Amino acid sequence: SVNDPTNVGKSAINRELAMFAAGHLRRDECLVLEKTQW
């Protein structure tokens, strides 16, 4: 969630796995797909 930093899924190595491993997110607001460079 862009508005709630505690409402996030698991980190993954690609976009597809991130969507698959999203976990139990609250769906009462719009979600985003983010990419992080470490």
PDB file of all heavy atoms in Angstrom:
ATOM      1  N   SER A   1       0.846  -1.188   0.000  1.00  0.00           N
ATOM      2  CA  SER A   1       0.000   0.000   0.000  1.00  0.00           C
ATOM      3  C   SER A   1       0.882   1.238   0.000  1.00  0.00           C
ATOM      4  O   SER A   1       1.861   1.314   0.734  1.00  0.00           O
ATOM      5  CB  SER A   1      -0.883  -0.008   1.244  1.00  0.00           C
ATOM      6  OG  SER A   1      -1.500   1.243   1.403  1.00  0.00           O
ATOM      7  N   VAL A   2       0.518   2.201  -0.786  1.00  0.00           N
ATOM      8  CA  VAL A   2       1.287   3.436  -0.814  1.00  0.00           C
ATOM      9  C   VAL A   2       0.996   4.290   0.427  1.00  0.00           C
ATOM     10  O   VAL A   2       1.818   5.085   0.844  1.00  0.00           O
ATOM     11  CB  VAL A   2       1.030   4.222  -2.122  1.00  0.00           C
ATOM     12  CG1 VAL A   2      -0.316   4.892  -2.120  1.00  0.00           C
ATOM     13  CG2 VAL A   2       2.136   5.194  -2.392  1.00  0.00           C
ATOM     14  N   ASN A   3      -0.160   4.078   1.068  1.00  0.00           N
ATOM     15  CA  ASN A   3      -0.549   4.883   2.227  1.00  0.00           C
ATOM     16  C   ASN A   3      -0.198   4.253   3.565  1.00  0.00           C
ATOM     17  O   ASN A   3      -0.214   4.933   4.581  1.00  0.00           O
ATOM     18  CB  ASN A   3      -2.059   5.148   2.200  1.00  0.00           C
ATOM     19  CG  ASN A   3      -2.454   6.015   1.036  1.00  0.00           C
ATOM     20  OD1 ASN A   3      -1.725   6.906   0.657  1.00  0.00           O
ATOM     21  ND2 ASN A   3      -3.603   5.739   0.464  1.00  0.00           N
ATOM     22  N   ASP A   4       0.077   2.949   3.593  1.00  0.00           N
ATOM     23  CA  ASP A   4       0.324   2.254   4.853  1.00  0.00           C
ATOM     24  C   ASP A   4       1.567   1.373   4.716  1.00  0.00           C
ATOM     25  O   ASP A   4       1.509   0.312   4.114  1.00  0.00           O
ATOM     26  CB  ASP A   4      -0.889   1.399   5.224  1.00  0.00           C
ATOM     27  CG  ASP A   4      -0.736   0.701   6.560  1.00  0.00           C
ATOM     28  OD1 ASP A   4       0.332   0.837   7.203  1.00  0.00           O
ATOM     29  OD2 ASP A   4      -1.679   0.002   6.966  1.00  0.00           O
ATOM     30  N   PRO A   5       2.701   1.800   5.263  1.00  0.00           N
ATOM     31  CA  PRO A   5       3.940   1.039   5.112  1.00  0.00           C
ATOM     32  C   PRO A   5       3.929  -0.324   5.810  1.00  0.00           C
ATOM     33  O   PRO A   5       4.816  -1.142   5.581  1.00  0.00           O
ATOM     34  CB  PRO A   5       5.012   1.953   5.714  1.00  0.00           C
ATOM     35  CG  PRO A   5       4.278   2.889   6.592  1.00  0.00           C
ATOM     36  CD  PRO A   5       2.889   3.022   6.040  1.00  0.00           C
ATOM     37  N   THR A   6       2.922  -0.598   6.635  1.00  0.00           N
ATOM     38  CA  THR A   6       2.829  -1.915   7.277  1.00  0.00           C
ATOM     39  C   THR A   6       2.020  -2.900   6.452  1.00  0.00           C
ATOM     40  O   THR A   6       2.020  -4.096   6.741  1.00  0.00           O
ATOM     41  CB  THR A   6       2.195  -1.800   8.683  1.00  0.00           C
ATOM     42  OG1 THR A   6       0.851  -1.331   8.549  1.00  0.00           O
ATOM     43  CG2 THR A   6       2.989  -0.854   9.563  1.00  0.00           C
ATOM     44  N   ASN A   7       1.342  -2.430   5.416  1.00  0.00           N
ATOM     45  CA  ASN A   7       0.508  -3.280   4.562  1.00  0.00           C
ATOM     46  C   ASN A   7       1.300  -3.638   3.297  1.00  0.00           C
ATOM     47  O   ASN A   7       1.093  -3.075   2.233  1.00  0.00           O
ATOM     48  CB  ASN A   7      -0.789  -2.553   4.203  1.00  0.00           C
ATOM     49  CG  ASN A   7      -1.786  -3.446   3.485  1.00  0.00           C
ATOM     50  OD1 ASN A   7      -1.782  -4.656   3.641  1.00  0.00           O
ATOM     51  ND2 ASN A   7      -2.631  -2.831   2.690  1.00  0.00           N
ATOM     52  N   VAL A   8       2.261  -4.565   3.454  1.00  0.00           N
ATOM     53  CA  VAL A   8       3.134  -4.953   2.338  1.00  0.00           C
ATOM     54  C   VAL A   8       3.246  -6.468   2.261  1.00  0.00           C
ATOM     55  O   VAL A   8       3.069  -7.178   3.247  1.00  0.00           O
ATOM     56  CB  VAL A   8       4.546  -4.342   2.473  1.00  0.00           C
ATOM     57  CG1 VAL A   8       4.506  -2.852   2.338  1.00  0.00           C
ATOM     58  CG2 VAL A   8       5.214  -4.766   3.762  1.00  0.00           C
ATOM     59  N   GLY A   9       3.563  -6.949   1.070  1.00  0.00           N
ATOM     60  CA  GLY A   9       3.777  -8.373   0.856  1.00  0.00           C
ATOM     61  C   GLY A   9       5.241  -8.738   1.045  1.00  0.00           C
ATOM     62  O   GLY A   9       6.057  -7.922   1.468  1.00  0.00           O
ATOM     63  N   LYS A  10       5.560  -9.951   0.698  1.00  0.00           N
ATOM     64  CA  LYS A  10       6.930 -10.443   0.798  1.00  0.00           C
ATOM     65  C   LYS A  10       7.768  -9.902  -0.355  1.00  0.00           C
ATOM     66  O   LYS A  10       7.279  -9.708  -1.460  1.00  0.00           O
ATOM     67  CB  LYS A  10       6.934 -11.971   0.736  1.00  0.00           C
ATOM     68  CG  LYS A  10       6.017 -12.620   1.747  1.00  0.00           C
ATOM     69  CD  LYS A  10       6.827 -13.164   2.881  1.00  0.00           C
ATOM     70  CE  LYS A  10       5.962 -14.020   3.769  1.00  0.00           C
ATOM     71  NZ  LYS A  10       5.614 -13.416   4.993  1.00  0.00           N
ATOM     72  N   SER A  11       9.052  -9.694  -0.120  1.00  0.00           N
ATOM     73  CA  SER A  11       9.966  -9.295  -1.184  1.00  0.00           C
ATOM     74  C   SER A  11      10.275 -10.496  -2.057  1.00  0.00           C
ATOM     75  O   SER A  11      10.344 -11.626  -1.579  1.00  0.00           O
ATOM     76  CB  SER A  11      11.266  -8.749  -0.588  1.00  0.00           C
ATOM     77  OG  SER A  11      11.011  -7.554   0.097  1.00  0.00           O
ATOM     78  N   ALA A  12      10.456 -10.243  -3.348  1.00  0.00           N
ATOM     79  CA  ALA A  12      10.709 -11.320  -4.308  1.00  0.00           C
ATOM     80  C   ALA A  12      11.737 -10.858  -5.337  1.00  0.00           C
ATOM     81  O   ALA A  12      12.010  -9.664  -5.472  1.00  0.00           O
ATOM     82  CB  ALA A  12       9.411 -11.717  -5.000  1.00  0.00           C
ATOM     83  N   ILE A  13      12.275 -11.822  -6.093  1.00  0.00           N
ATOM     84  CA  ILE A  13      13.323 -11.506  -7.067  1.00  0.00           C
ATOM     85  C   ILE A  13      12.783 -11.045  -8.412  1.00  0.00           C
ATOM     86  O   ILE A  13      13.543 -10.562  -9.237  1.00  0.00           O
ATOM     87  CB  ILE A  13      14.281 -12.694  -7.270  1.00  0.00           C
ATOM     88  CG1 ILE A  13      13.519 -13.913  -7.791  1.00  0.00           C
ATOM     89  CG2 ILE A  13      15.033 -13.010  -6.002  1.00  0.00           C
ATOM     90  CD1 ILE A  13      14.414 -15.047  -8.227  1.00  0.00           C
ATOM     91  N   ASN A  14      11.476 -11.185  -8.640  1.00  0.00           N
ATOM     92  CA  ASN A  14      10.895 -10.656  -9.877  1.00  0.00           C
ATOM     93  C   ASN A  14       9.442 -10.252  -9.632  1.00  0.00           C
ATOM     94  O   ASN A  14       8.862 -10.546  -8.597  1.00  0.00           O
ATOM     95  CB  ASN A  14      11.034 -11.638 -11.048  1.00  0.00           C
ATOM     96  CG  ASN A  14      10.301 -12.936 -10.833  1.00  0.00           C
ATOM     97  OD1 ASN A  14       9.196 -12.969 -10.291  1.00  0.00           O
ATOM     98  ND2 ASN A  14      10.901 -14.031 -11.260  1.00  0.00           N
ATOM     99  N   ARG A  15       8.870  -9.571 -10.618  1.00  0.00           N
ATOM    100  CA  ARG A  15       7.508  -9.043 -10.483  1.00  0.00           C
ATOM    101  C   ARG A  15       6.475 -10.136 -10.262  1.00  0.00           C
ATOM    102  O   ARG A  15       5.563  -9.999  -9.449  1.00  0.00           O
ATOM    103  CB  ARG A  15       7.121  -8.288 -11.747  1.00  0.00           C
ATOM    104  CG  ARG A  15       8.010  -7.180 -12.143  1.00  0.00           C
ATOM    105  CD  ARG A  15       7.696  -6.711 -13.548  1.00  0.00           C
ATOM    106  NE  ARG A  15       6.427  -6.022 -13.584  1.00  0.00           N
ATOM    107  CZ  ARG A  15       6.259  -4.787 -14.007  1.00  0.00           C
ATOM    108  NH1 ARG A  15       7.277  -4.112 -14.448  1.00  0.00           N
ATOM    109  NH2 ARG A  15       5.074  -4.233 -14.002  1.00  0.00           N
ATOM    110  N   GLU A  16       6.604 -11.217 -11.031  1.00  0.00           N
ATOM    111  CA  GLU A  16       5.621 -12.292 -10.959  1.00  0.00           C
ATOM    112  C   GLU A  16       5.600 -12.942  -9.577  1.00  0.00           C
ATOM    113  O   GLU A  16       4.534 -13.225  -9.029  1.00  0.00           O
ATOM    114  CB  GLU A  16       5.896 -13.339 -12.042  1.00  0.00           C
ATOM    115  CG  GLU A  16       5.676 -12.842 -13.458  1.00  0.00           C
ATOM    116  CD  GLU A  16       6.821 -11.981 -13.991  1.00  0.00           C
ATOM    117  OE1 GLU A  16       7.945 -12.005 -13.427  1.00  0.00           O
ATOM    118  OE2 GLU A  16       6.589 -11.255 -14.967  1.00  0.00           O
ATOM    119  N   LEU A  17       6.776 -13.194  -9.022  1.00  0.00           N
ATOM    120  CA  LEU A  17       6.832 -13.781  -7.678  1.00  0.00           C
ATOM    121  C   LEU A  17       6.306 -12.817  -6.623  1.00  0.00           C
ATOM    122  O   LEU A  17       5.701 -13.236  -5.636  1.00  0.00           O
ATOM    123  CB  LEU A  17       8.256 -14.223  -7.335  1.00  0.00           C
ATOM    124  CG  LEU A  17       8.731 -15.486  -8.026  1.00  0.00           C
ATOM    125  CD1 LEU A  17      10.201 -15.746  -7.688  1.00  0.00           C
ATOM    126  CD2 LEU A  17       7.890 -16.680  -7.640  1.00  0.00           C
ATOM    127  N   ALA A  18       6.528 -11.537  -6.808  1.00  0.00           N
ATOM    128  CA  ALA A  18       5.994 -10.547  -5.864  1.00  0.00           C
ATOM    129  C   ALA A  18       4.469 -10.581  -5.852  1.00  0.00           C
ATOM    130  O   ALA A  18       3.841 -10.489  -4.798  1.00  0.00           O
ATOM    131  CB  ALA A  18       6.496  -9.158  -6.222  1.00  0.00           C
ATOM    132  N   MET A  19       3.867 -10.745  -7.021  1.00  0.00           N
ATOM    133  CA  MET A  19       2.403 -10.830  -7.098  1.00  0.00           C
ATOM    134  C   MET A  19       1.911 -12.144  -6.496  1.00  0.00           C
ATOM    135  O   MET A  19       0.861 -12.197  -5.876  1.00  0.00           O
ATOM    136  CB  MET A  19       1.933 -10.720  -8.548  1.00  0.00           C
ATOM    137  CG  MET A  19       2.307  -9.417  -9.219  1.00  0.00           C
ATOM    138  SD  MET A  19       1.469  -8.010  -8.555  1.00  0.00           S
ATOM    139  CE  MET A  19       0.157  -7.831  -9.722  1.00  0.00           C
ATOM    140  N   PHE A  20       2.697 -13.202  -6.660  1.00  0.00           N
ATOM    141  CA  PHE A  20       2.321 -14.510  -6.122  1.00  0.00           C
ATOM    142  C   PHE A  20       2.489 -14.543  -4.607  1.00  0.00           C
ATOM    143  O   PHE A  20       1.677 -15.125  -3.896  1.00  0.00           O
ATOM    144  CB  PHE A  20       3.179 -15.607  -6.768  1.00  0.00           C
ATOM    145  CG  PHE A  20       2.833 -16.987  -6.311  1.00  0.00           C
ATOM    146  CD1 PHE A  20       1.691 -17.624  -6.768  1.00  0.00           C
ATOM    147  CD2 PHE A  20       3.644 -17.649  -5.412  1.00  0.00           C
ATOM    148  CE1 PHE A  20       1.358 -18.896  -6.338  1.00  0.00           C
ATOM    149  CE2 PHE A  20       3.322 -18.926  -4.980  1.00  0.00           C
ATOM    150  CZ  PHE A  20       2.182 -19.549  -5.442  1.00  0.00           C
ATOM    151  N   ALA A  21       3.558 -13.929  -4.096  1.00  0.00           N
ATOM    152  CA  ALA A  21       3.870 -13.961  -2.664  1.00  0.00           C
ATOM    153  C   ALA A  21       3.377 -12.720  -1.943  1.00  0.00           C
ATOM    154  O   ALA A  21       3.986 -12.276  -0.981  1.00  0.00           O
ATOM    155  CB  ALA A  21       5.386 -14.110  -2.480  1.00  0.00           C
ATOM    156  N   ALA A  22       2.285 -12.182  -2.410  1.00  0.00           N
ATOM    157  CA  ALA A  22       1.784 -10.924  -1.840  1.00  0.00           C
ATOM    158  C   ALA A  22       1.366 -11.060  -0.379  1.00  0.00           C
ATOM    159  O   ALA A  22       1.410 -10.091   0.372  1.00  0.00           O
ATOM    160  CB  ALA A  22       0.615 -10.410  -2.666  1.00  0.00           C
ATOM    161  N   GLY A  23       0.981 -12.251   0.041  1.00  0.00           N
ATOM    162  CA  GLY A  23       0.592 -12.447   1.429  1.00  0.00           C
ATOM    163  C   GLY A  23      -0.829 -12.003   1.707  1.00  0.00           C
ATOM    164  O   GLY A  23      -1.649 -11.892   0.805  1.00  0.00           O
ATOM    165  N   HIS A  24      -1.113 -11.685   2.942  1.00  0.00           N
ATOM    166  CA  HIS A  24      -2.464 -11.300   3.370  1.00  0.00           C
ATOM    167  C   HIS A  24      -2.556  -9.780   3.467  1.00  0.00           C
ATOM    168  O   HIS A  24      -2.528  -9.211   4.547  1.00  0.00           O
ATOM    169  CB  HIS A  24      -2.801 -11.949   4.708  1.00  0.00           C
ATOM    170  CG  HIS A  24      -2.791 -13.431   4.649  1.00  0.00           C
ATOM    171  ND1 HIS A  24      -3.767 -14.159   4.013  1.00  0.00           N
ATOM    172  CD2 HIS A  24      -1.905 -14.328   5.106  1.00  0.00           C
ATOM    173  CE1 HIS A  24      -3.494 -15.434   4.097  1.00  0.00           C
ATOM    174  NE2 HIS A  24      -2.362 -15.570   4.752  1.00  0.00           N
ATOM    175  N   LEU A  25      -2.658  -9.144   2.317  1.00  0.00           N
ATOM    176  CA  LEU A  25      -2.761  -7.695   2.284  1.00  0.00           C
ATOM    177  C   LEU A  25      -4.208  -7.262   2.464  1.00  0.00           C
ATOM    178  O   LEU A  25      -5.121  -7.910   1.984  1.00  0.00           O
ATOM    179  CB  LEU A  25      -2.264  -7.167   0.939  1.00  0.00           C
ATOM    180  CG  LEU A  25      -0.796  -7.417   0.617  1.00  0.00           C
ATOM    181  CD1 LEU A  25      -0.518  -7.079  -0.831  1.00  0.00           C
ATOM    182  CD2 LEU A  25       0.081  -6.602   1.529  1.00  0.00           C
ATOM    183  N   ARG A  26      -4.401  -6.158   3.166  1.00  0.00           N
ATOM    184  CA  ARG A  26      -5.730  -5.566   3.229  1.00  0.00           C
ATOM    185  C   ARG A  26      -6.035  -4.988   1.855  1.00  0.00           C
ATOM    186  O   ARG A  26      -5.214  -4.294   1.268  1.00  0.00           O
ATOM    187  CB  ARG A  26      -5.776  -4.472   4.299  1.00  0.00           C
ATOM    188  CG  ARG A  26      -5.697  -5.013   5.701  1.00  0.00           C
ATOM    189  CD  ARG A  26      -5.944  -3.926   6.736  1.00  0.00           C
ATOM    190  NE  ARG A  26      -5.332  -2.642   6.433  1.00  0.00           N
ATOM    191  CZ  ARG A  26      -4.045  -2.350   6.662  1.00  0.00           C
ATOM    192  NH1 ARG A  26      -3.245  -3.256   7.177  1.00  0.00           N
ATOM    193  NH2 ARG A  26      -3.579  -1.155   6.378  1.00  0.00           N
ATOM    194  N   ARG A  27      -7.201  -5.263   1.329  1.00  0.00           N
ATOM    195  CA  ARG A  27      -7.550  -4.847  -0.032  1.00  0.00           C
ATOM    196  C   ARG A  27      -8.537  -3.685  -0.035  1.00  0.00           C
ATOM    197  O   ARG A  27      -9.233  -3.466  -1.010  1.00  0.00           O
ATOM    198  CB  ARG A  27      -8.136  -6.038  -0.803  1.00  0.00           C
ATOM    199  CG  ARG A  27      -7.226  -7.247  -0.933  1.00  0.00           C
ATOM    200  CD  ARG A  27      -5.882  -6.942  -1.580  1.00  0.00           C
ATOM    201  NE  ARG A  27      -5.967  -6.317  -2.872  1.00  0.00           N
ATOM    202  CZ  ARG A  27      -5.983  -6.948  -4.034  1.00  0.00           C
ATOM    203  NH1 ARG A  27      -5.891  -8.244  -4.071  1.00  0.00           N
ATOM    204  NH2 ARG A  27      -6.065  -6.276  -5.158  1.00  0.00           N
ATOM    205  N   ASP A  28      -8.588  -2.901   1.048  1.00  0.00           N
ATOM    206  CA  ASP A  28      -9.529  -1.783   1.109  1.00  0.00           C
ATOM    207  C   ASP A  28      -8.999  -0.515   0.442  1.00  0.00           C
ATOM    208  O   ASP A  28      -9.693   0.487   0.375  1.00  0.00           O
ATOM    209  CB  ASP A  28      -9.908  -1.492   2.559  1.00  0.00           C
ATOM    210  CG  ASP A  28      -8.707  -1.200   3.445  1.00  0.00           C
ATOM    211  OD1 ASP A  28      -7.582  -1.572   3.067  1.00  0.00           O
ATOM    212  OD2 ASP A  28      -8.903  -0.614   4.524  1.00  0.00           O
ATOM    213  N   GLU A  29      -7.762  -0.549  -0.057  1.00  0.00           N
ATOM    214  CA  GLU A  29      -7.207   0.582  -0.791  1.00  0.00           C
ATOM    215  C   GLU A  29      -6.352   0.060  -1.935  1.00  0.00           C
ATOM    216  O   GLU A  29      -6.019  -1.115  -1.994  1.00  0.00           O
ATOM    217  CB  GLU A  29      -6.390   1.491   0.124  1.00  0.00           C
ATOM    218  CG  GLU A  29      -5.261   0.789   0.823  1.00  0.00           C
ATOM    219  CD  GLU A  29      -4.570   1.699   1.822  1.00  0.00           C
ATOM    220  OE1 GLU A  29      -5.233   2.514   2.465  1.00  0.00           O
ATOM    221  OE2 GLU A  29      -3.349   1.575   1.936  1.00  0.00           O
ATOM    222  N   CYS A  30      -6.036   0.923  -2.867  1.00  0.00           N
ATOM    223  CA  CYS A  30      -5.251   0.516  -4.038  1.00  0.00           C
ATOM    224  C   CYS A  30      -3.833   0.113  -3.630  1.00  0.00           C
ATOM    225  O   CYS A  30      -3.241   0.702  -2.725  1.00  0.00           O
ATOM    226  CB  CYS A  30      -5.184   1.647  -5.044  1.00  0.00           C
ATOM    227  SG  CYS A  30      -6.776   2.022  -5.802  1.00  0.00           S
ATOM    228  N   LEU A  31      -3.321  -0.896  -4.328  1.00  0.00           N
ATOM    229  CA  LEU A  31      -1.972  -1.393  -4.074  1.00  0.00           C
ATOM    230  C   LEU A  31      -1.028  -0.950  -5.184  1.00  0.00           C
ATOM    231  O   LEU A  31      -1.455  -0.591  -6.276  1.00  0.00           O
ATOM    232  CB  LEU A  31      -1.988  -2.917  -3.997  1.00  0.00           C
ATOM    233  CG  LEU A  31      -2.850  -3.526  -2.897  1.00  0.00           C
ATOM    234  CD1 LEU A  31      -2.842  -5.042  -3.013  1.00  0.00           C
ATOM    235  CD2 LEU A  31      -2.382  -3.089  -1.518  1.00  0.00           C
ATOM    236  N   VAL A  32       0.257  -0.985  -4.881  1.00  0.00           N
ATOM    237  CA  VAL A  32       1.289  -0.657  -5.859  1.00  0.00           C
ATOM    238  C   VAL A  32       2.306  -1.791  -5.929  1.00  0.00           C
ATOM    239  O   VAL A  32       2.462  -2.560  -4.986  1.00  0.00           O
ATOM    240  CB  VAL A  32       2.018   0.667  -5.509  1.00  0.00           C
ATOM    241  CG1 VAL A  32       1.072   1.842  -5.554  1.00  0.00           C
ATOM    242  CG2 VAL A  32       2.712   0.583  -4.164  1.00  0.00           C
ATOM    243  N   LEU A  33       2.992  -1.896  -7.056  1.00  0.00           N
ATOM    244  CA  LEU A  33       4.112  -2.812  -7.218  1.00  0.00           C
ATOM    245  C   LEU A  33       5.362  -1.951  -7.207  1.00  0.00           C
ATOM    246  O   LEU A  33       5.492  -1.027  -8.017  1.00  0.00           O
ATOM    247  CB  LEU A  33       4.009  -3.584  -8.530  1.00  0.00           C
ATOM    248  CG  LEU A  33       5.191  -4.493  -8.862  1.00  0.00           C
ATOM    249  CD1 LEU A  33       5.299  -5.638  -7.854  1.00  0.00           C
ATOM    250  CD2 LEU A  33       5.063  -5.038 -10.269  1.00  0.00           C
ATOM    251  N   GLU A  34       6.266  -2.231  -6.272  1.00  0.00           N
ATOM    252  CA  GLU A  34       7.464  -1.409  -6.166  1.00  0.00           C
ATOM    253  C   GLU A  34       8.730  -2.235  -6.404  1.00  0.00           C
ATOM    254  O   GLU A  34       8.751  -3.442  -6.166  1.00  0.00           O
ATOM    255  CB  GLU A  34       7.533  -0.703  -4.816  1.00  0.00           C
ATOM    256  CG  GLU A  34       7.537  -1.618  -3.629  1.00  0.00           C
ATOM    257  CD  GLU A  34       7.491  -0.874  -2.300  1.00  0.00           C
ATOM    258  OE1 GLU A  34       6.800   0.147  -2.186  1.00  0.00           O
ATOM    259  OE2 GLU A  34       8.156  -1.350  -1.367  1.00  0.00           O
ATOM    260  N   LYS A  35       9.754  -1.556  -6.871  1.00  0.00           N
ATOM    261  CA  LYS A  35      11.060  -2.159  -7.127  1.00  0.00           C
ATOM    262  C   LYS A  35      12.079  -1.414  -6.274  1.00  0.00           C
ATOM    263  O   LYS A  35      12.105  -0.181  -6.268  1.00  0.00           O
ATOM    264  CB  LYS A  35      11.405  -2.002  -8.606  1.00  0.00           C
ATOM    265  CG  LYS A  35      12.785  -2.479  -8.985  1.00  0.00           C
ATOM    266  CD  LYS A  35      13.022  -2.226 -10.479  1.00  0.00           C
ATOM    267  CE  LYS A  35      14.397  -2.637 -10.909  1.00  0.00           C
ATOM    268  NZ  LYS A  35      14.604  -2.410 -12.354  1.00  0.00           N
ATOM    269  N   THR A  36      12.918  -2.171  -5.562  1.00  0.00           N
ATOM    270  CA  THR A  36      13.935  -1.568  -4.699  1.00  0.00           C
ATOM    271  C   THR A  36      15.320  -2.037  -5.125  1.00  0.00           C
ATOM    272  O   THR A  36      15.545  -3.230  -5.308  1.00  0.00           O
ATOM    273  CB  THR A  36      13.705  -1.940  -3.219  1.00  0.00           C
ATOM    274  OG1 THR A  36      12.409  -1.473  -2.839  1.00  0.00           O
ATOM    275  CG2 THR A  36      14.754  -1.325  -2.312  1.00  0.00           C
ATOM    276  N   GLN A  37      16.226  -1.091  -5.280  1.00  0.00           N
ATOM    277  CA  GLN A  37      17.637  -1.377  -5.549  1.00  0.00           C
ATOM    278  C   GLN A  37      18.380  -1.290  -4.215  1.00  0.00           C
ATOM    279  O   GLN A  37      18.219  -0.325  -3.478  1.00  0.00           O
ATOM    280  CB  GLN A  37      18.210  -0.349  -6.530  1.00  0.00           C
ATOM    281  CG  GLN A  37      19.702  -0.450  -6.741  1.00  0.00           C
ATOM    282  CD  GLN A  37      20.090  -1.646  -7.576  1.00  0.00           C
ATOM    283  OE1 GLN A  37      19.438  -1.934  -8.560  1.00  0.00           O
ATOM    284  NE2 GLN A  37      21.144  -2.329  -7.191  1.00  0.00           N
ATOM    285  N   TRP A  38      19.148  -2.326  -3.910  1.00  0.00           N
ATOM    286  CA  TRP A  38      19.889  -2.397  -2.656  1.00  0.00           C
ATOM    287  C   TRP A  38      21.370  -2.158  -2.902  1.00  0.00           C
ATOM    288  O   TRP A  38      21.893  -2.498  -3.945  1.00  0.00           O
ATOM    289  CB  TRP A  38      19.690  -3.764  -2.005  1.00  0.00           C
ATOM    290  CG  TRP A  38      18.274  -4.034  -1.638  1.00  0.00           C
ATOM    291  CD1 TRP A  38      17.281  -4.478  -2.464  1.00  0.00           C
ATOM    292  CD2 TRP A  38      17.675  -3.859  -0.368  1.00  0.00           C
ATOM    293  NE1 TRP A  38      16.097  -4.590  -1.782  1.00  0.00           N
ATOM    294  CE2 TRP A  38      16.316  -4.219  -0.483  1.00  0.00           C
ATOM    295  CE3 TRP A  38      18.144  -3.423   0.863  1.00  0.00           C
ATOM    296  CZ2 TRP A  38      15.432  -4.152   0.586  1.00  0.00           C
ATOM    297  CZ3 TRP A  38      17.263  -3.381   1.934  1.00  0.00           C
ATOM    298  CH2 TRP A  38      15.920  -3.735   1.788  1.00  0.00           C
TER     299      TRP A  38
END
